[in-house]
Amino acid sequence: MDFETMLQGSPNSSAVWIQFVSFHLESAEVDKAKAVARRALQVMDAQEEEERLNVWTVLLRLEVLYGGPESVAEAYREALATNDQLKVHLAMAMVYAESENP
């Protein structure tokens, strides 16, 4: 798939961005996956709150799984500052719950 072409047609689609993140994870390219998630947050319309929250949830999951405590805290603070805080707290709780289940 050509993700760039797909993104031109649907720049606010969290599903397409998340597929692009997954593509990089399949190749064990965690830094590229994180970069794609960050790029999505820059490109996506601020009015697309739910779509953006989906991407934030993926980025938080990446940080919990592959980052360190500092990068997790930084991403969490940033997510809280740019989204509905209750939704971010719930998303983070879900991420931690999923990361503890094998």
Protein backbone atom coordinates (compact mmCIF):
# COMPACT_ATOMS: atom_id res chain seq x y z
CA MET A 1 0.00 0.00 0.00
CA ASP A 2 1.07 3.54 -0.63
CA PHE A 3 0.26 5.24 2.66
CA GLU A 4 1.20 8.70 1.42
CA THR A 5 -1.45 8.46 -1.30
CA MET A 6 -4.02 7.16 1.15
CA LEU A 7 -3.22 9.99 3.56
CA GLN A 8 -3.67 12.62 0.87
CA GLY A 9 -7.24 11.43 0.46
CA SER A 10 -7.93 10.97 4.18
CA PRO A 11 -5.53 13.10 6.25
CA ASN A 12 -7.84 13.02 9.29
CA SER A 13 -8.37 9.25 9.32
CA SER A 14 -6.82 7.73 12.42
CA ALA A 15 -7.34 4.29 10.87
CA VAL A 16 -5.01 5.10 7.96
CA TRP A 17 -2.40 6.69 10.24
CA ILE A 18 -2.54 3.70 12.59
CA GLN A 19 -2.08 1.31 9.65
CA PHE A 20 1.01 3.32 8.69
CA VAL A 21 2.32 3.07 12.29
CA SER A 22 1.67 -0.70 12.23
CA PHE A 23 3.53 -1.03 8.93
CA HIS A 24 6.67 0.32 10.61
CA LEU A 25 6.19 -1.82 13.70
CA GLU A 26 6.03 -4.95 11.56
CA SER A 27 9.57 -4.09 10.45
CA ALA A 28 10.63 -3.35 14.04
CA GLU A 29 11.07 0.32 13.16
CA VAL A 30 9.76 1.76 16.42
CA ASP A 31 11.27 5.22 15.93
CA LYS A 32 9.66 5.50 12.50
CA ALA A 33 6.33 4.34 13.96
CA LYS A 34 6.54 7.04 16.65
CA ALA A 35 7.47 9.62 14.02
CA VAL A 36 4.42 8.70 11.94
CA ALA A 37 2.16 9.09 14.98
CA ARG A 38 3.70 12.49 15.75
CA ARG A 39 3.28 13.53 12.13
CA ALA A 40 -0.37 12.47 12.24
CA LEU A 41 -0.97 14.74 15.21
CA GLN A 42 0.57 17.66 13.32
CA VAL A 43 -1.41 17.02 10.14
CA MET A 44 -4.82 16.10 11.54
CA ASP A 45 -7.42 18.83 12.00
CA ALA A 46 -7.71 19.92 15.63
CA GLN A 47 -11.49 19.60 15.34
CA GLU A 48 -11.15 15.83 14.82
CA GLU A 49 -10.92 15.15 18.55
CA GLU A 50 -11.80 11.45 18.51
CA GLU A 51 -9.54 10.70 15.56
CA ARG A 52 -6.66 12.54 17.24
CA LEU A 53 -7.32 10.74 20.53
CA ASN A 54 -7.02 7.41 18.68
CA VAL A 55 -3.57 8.44 17.47
CA TRP A 56 -2.60 9.72 20.92
CA THR A 57 -3.61 6.35 22.38
CA VAL A 58 -1.35 4.57 19.90
CA LEU A 59 1.53 6.94 20.68
CA LEU A 60 1.06 6.42 24.42
CA ARG A 61 1.03 2.66 23.85
CA LEU A 62 4.27 2.90 21.85
CA GLU A 63 5.91 4.90 24.62
CA VAL A 64 4.78 2.46 27.33
CA LEU A 65 5.98 -0.54 25.32
CA TYR A 66 9.18 0.83 23.81
CA GLY A 67 10.03 4.10 25.55
CA GLY A 68 11.39 4.99 28.94
CA PRO A 69 9.69 6.62 31.91
CA GLU A 70 10.66 10.09 30.69
CA SER A 71 9.25 9.64 27.20
CA VAL A 72 6.03 8.16 28.62
CA ALA A 73 5.63 11.10 31.01
CA GLU A 74 6.37 13.61 28.25
CA ALA A 75 3.84 12.09 25.83
CA TYR A 76 1.25 11.84 28.61
CA ARG A 77 1.68 15.52 29.59
CA GLU A 78 1.43 16.55 25.96
CA ALA A 79 -1.71 14.45 25.42
CA LEU A 80 -3.30 15.95 28.53
CA ALA A 81 -2.53 19.47 27.34
CA THR A 82 -4.10 18.98 23.92
CA ASN A 83 -7.11 16.72 24.60
CA ASP A 84 -10.00 16.15 26.97
CA GLN A 85 -8.13 15.17 30.11
CA LEU A 86 -10.64 12.57 31.29
CA LYS A 87 -10.44 10.79 27.92
CA VAL A 88 -6.63 10.84 28.08
CA HIS A 89 -6.65 9.45 31.64
CA LEU A 90 -8.98 6.66 30.52
CA ALA A 91 -6.88 5.93 27.44
CA MET A 92 -3.71 5.77 29.53
CA ALA A 93 -5.37 3.45 32.04
CA MET A 94 -6.40 1.19 29.16
CA VAL A 95 -2.85 1.24 27.75
CA TYR A 96 -1.36 0.24 31.10
CA ALA A 97 -3.98 -2.46 31.64
CA GLU A 98 -3.30 -3.93 28.19
CA SER A 99 0.48 -3.77 28.61
CA GLU A 100 0.30 -5.89 31.78
CA ASN A 101 -1.74 -8.64 30.11
CA PRO A 102 0.38 -11.09 28.10
